[in-house]
Every structure is written in structure tokens, then in C-alpha cells.
Protein backbone atom coordinates (compact mmCIF):
# COMPACT_ATOMS: atom_id res chain seq x y z
CA MET A 1 36.43 23.87 -10.66
CA THR A 2 37.55 21.67 -7.83
CA GLY A 3 41.00 20.90 -9.15
CA LEU A 4 40.28 17.20 -9.54
CA ALA A 5 39.38 16.40 -13.13
CA ILE A 6 37.44 13.26 -12.28
CA LEU A 7 35.30 15.12 -9.74
CA ASP A 8 34.55 17.84 -12.31
CA VAL A 9 33.49 15.19 -14.84
CA VAL A 10 31.24 13.43 -12.30
CA ILE A 11 29.58 16.72 -11.27
CA GLY A 12 29.14 17.72 -14.92
CA LEU A 13 27.64 14.36 -15.90
CA ALA A 14 25.30 14.40 -12.92
CA PHE A 15 24.11 17.88 -13.89
CA VAL A 16 23.62 16.86 -17.54
CA TYR A 17 21.68 13.70 -16.56
CA LEU A 18 19.53 15.68 -14.14
CA LEU A 19 18.77 18.29 -16.79
CA LEU A 20 17.97 15.61 -19.38
CA ALA A 21 15.67 13.80 -16.92
CA LEU A 22 13.78 17.02 -16.17
CA ILE A 23 13.36 17.79 -19.87
CA CYS A 24 12.09 14.26 -20.61
CA THR A 25 9.72 14.33 -17.63
CA THR A 26 8.31 17.70 -18.68
CA PHE A 27 7.82 16.45 -22.24
CA MET A 28 6.07 13.25 -21.08
CA GLU A 29 3.80 15.21 -18.71
CA TRP A 30 2.88 17.53 -21.57
CA ILE A 31 1.99 14.57 -23.83
CA ALA A 32 0.00 12.86 -21.04
CA GLN A 33 -1.99 16.04 -20.45
CA LEU A 34 -2.51 16.71 -24.15
CA TRP A 35 -3.92 13.24 -24.88
CA ASN A 36 -5.60 12.74 -21.47
CA LEU A 37 -3.64 9.52 -20.93
CA ARG A 38 -4.30 9.37 -17.18
CA GLY A 39 -8.03 9.86 -17.63
CA ARG A 40 -8.24 7.10 -20.22
CA MET A 41 -6.10 4.81 -18.06
CA LEU A 42 -8.37 5.54 -15.07
CA GLU A 43 -11.44 4.67 -17.15
CA SER A 44 -9.82 1.46 -18.39
CA GLY A 45 -8.81 0.45 -14.86
CA THR A 46 -12.29 1.21 -13.53
CA ARG A 47 -13.87 -0.91 -16.27
CA ARG A 48 -11.53 -3.76 -15.38
CA LEU A 49 -12.24 -3.35 -11.67
CA LEU A 50 -16.00 -3.40 -12.22
CA GLY A 51 -15.74 -6.49 -14.43
CA GLU A 52 -16.72 -4.80 -17.68
CA GLU A 53 -13.39 -5.01 -19.48
CA ALA A 54 -14.75 -6.98 -22.43
CA ALA A 55 -18.25 -5.48 -22.40
CA ALA A 56 -19.30 -3.58 -25.51
CA ASP A 57 -21.54 -1.29 -23.44
CA PRO A 58 -20.06 -0.77 -19.95
CA ALA A 59 -23.25 0.41 -18.23
CA VAL A 60 -21.93 0.27 -14.65
CA THR A 61 -18.77 2.18 -15.57
CA LYS A 62 -20.83 4.85 -17.34
CA ALA A 63 -23.11 5.11 -14.31
CA TYR A 64 -20.03 5.43 -12.07
CA PHE A 65 -18.53 8.27 -14.14
CA ASP A 66 -21.97 9.97 -14.25
CA HIS A 67 -22.18 9.90 -10.45
CA PRO A 68 -22.27 13.50 -9.10
CA LEU A 69 -19.17 13.03 -6.94
CA VAL A 70 -17.10 11.83 -9.90
CA ARG A 71 -18.69 14.20 -12.41
CA THR A 72 -17.44 17.20 -10.40
CA LEU A 73 -13.86 15.99 -10.95
CA LYS A 74 -14.22 16.08 -14.75
CA ASP A 75 -12.79 18.98 -16.72
CA GLY A 76 -15.45 19.51 -19.33
CA GLU A 77 -15.66 16.27 -21.30
CA ARG A 78 -12.20 15.09 -20.21
CA MET A 79 -12.06 12.21 -17.76
CA PRO A 80 -10.57 12.98 -14.35
CA SER A 81 -6.95 11.96 -13.98
CA TYR A 82 -7.34 11.13 -10.28
CA VAL A 83 -10.21 10.12 -8.01
CA PRO A 84 -9.63 10.25 -4.24
CA GLY A 85 -10.22 6.96 -2.44
CA THR A 86 -13.19 8.18 -0.39
CA VAL A 87 -14.92 9.56 -3.48
CA PHE A 88 -14.28 6.32 -5.36
CA ALA A 89 -15.66 4.19 -2.52
CA LYS A 90 -18.81 6.29 -2.11
CA ALA A 91 -19.48 6.51 -5.85
CA VAL A 92 -18.99 2.78 -6.48
CA THR A 93 -21.12 1.84 -3.47
CA GLU A 94 -23.99 4.12 -4.48
CA THR A 95 -23.77 3.10 -8.15
CA LEU A 96 -23.86 -0.61 -7.33
CA ARG A 97 -26.61 -0.12 -4.74
CA ARG A 98 -28.76 1.64 -7.36
CA ARG A 99 -27.94 -1.08 -9.87
CA VAL A 100 -28.96 -3.86 -7.46
CA ALA A 101 -32.19 -2.01 -6.61
CA THR A 102 -33.00 -1.72 -10.32
CA MET A 103 -32.29 -5.40 -10.86
CA ALA A 104 -34.48 -6.33 -7.87
CA THR A 105 -37.50 -4.68 -9.49
CA PHE A 106 -37.07 -7.01 -12.47
CA ILE A 107 -36.19 -10.12 -10.47
CA SER A 108 -39.10 -9.89 -8.03
CA PRO A 109 -41.91 -10.34 -10.62
CA ALA A 110 -39.92 -13.07 -12.36
CA SER A 111 -39.49 -15.03 -9.14
CA ARG A 112 -43.21 -14.79 -8.41
CA ALA A 113 -43.97 -16.09 -11.89
CA GLY A 114 -41.60 -18.99 -11.31
CA SER A 115 -43.24 -19.90 -8.01
CA GLY A 116 -46.65 -19.81 -9.70
CA CYS A 117 -45.41 -22.26 -12.32
CA ARG A 118 -44.42 -24.74 -9.63
CA SER A 119 -48.06 -25.20 -8.66
CA TRP A 120 -48.96 -26.46 -12.14
CA PRO A 121 -49.64 -30.16 -12.44
CA ARG A 122 -46.79 -32.31 -13.66
CA TRP A 123 -47.28 -34.41 -16.78
């Protein structure tokens, strides 16, 4: 007790608000961990970033989360709640590079077929 009633009230209220904030934060962290909210939010953000937000089958996002660097961050089947920037950059780069290489194998024969069609006589 300081002797000043107003100071005692201010200190008491500050302590009560601090205690209430800590209890609420602990409760919210527990819920976020229980329902894997950060992992689902990370997956949703990654889908949006890779342009597959509305896709029914997000193939690039699945390939990204199956990348060995990202897979090591998973806890069983639960999505990681955080991916370091360097890991994210390497995994996205390698995933997209593999994706482009796969697409090139399909595009190359199609472009040759198209150039062969150009030599046909016009009607």
C-alpha cells in the first residue's frame, strides 16, 4: 500500500488487466495449437501466393508441401506453423523449376506438331 488510494487502484487494475491478458493469450495459443490454425493459415496463404486459391486441386501447393525441406518441418500429418524464409525460397524455386521442366516436355512435342502443320497447303 502506497498511501495514495488512486495509485493503489491504478496498480491493482494494471495487474488485473495484465493477468487477464496472459490468461486470454494462453487460451488462444492452446486453441491455435489444438486446431492447427497456423498450419492451415500457412497453407491457405501459400495457395494464394502460388495463384491456386480457387483451384479444386492445388497441384503446385501440394508439390511445395511435399518438398523435402518443407516436409521435415511437418509434425506428423500436421502442417508446419512456420517456414523460414530461406527454406520457403528454395522450396518454391525448386518446385516451380520442376513444374516448368515437366511442362516443357509436353510443350516441346506440341510446338513441333504446330510447326509441321504450317507447311500444309492452304485452301
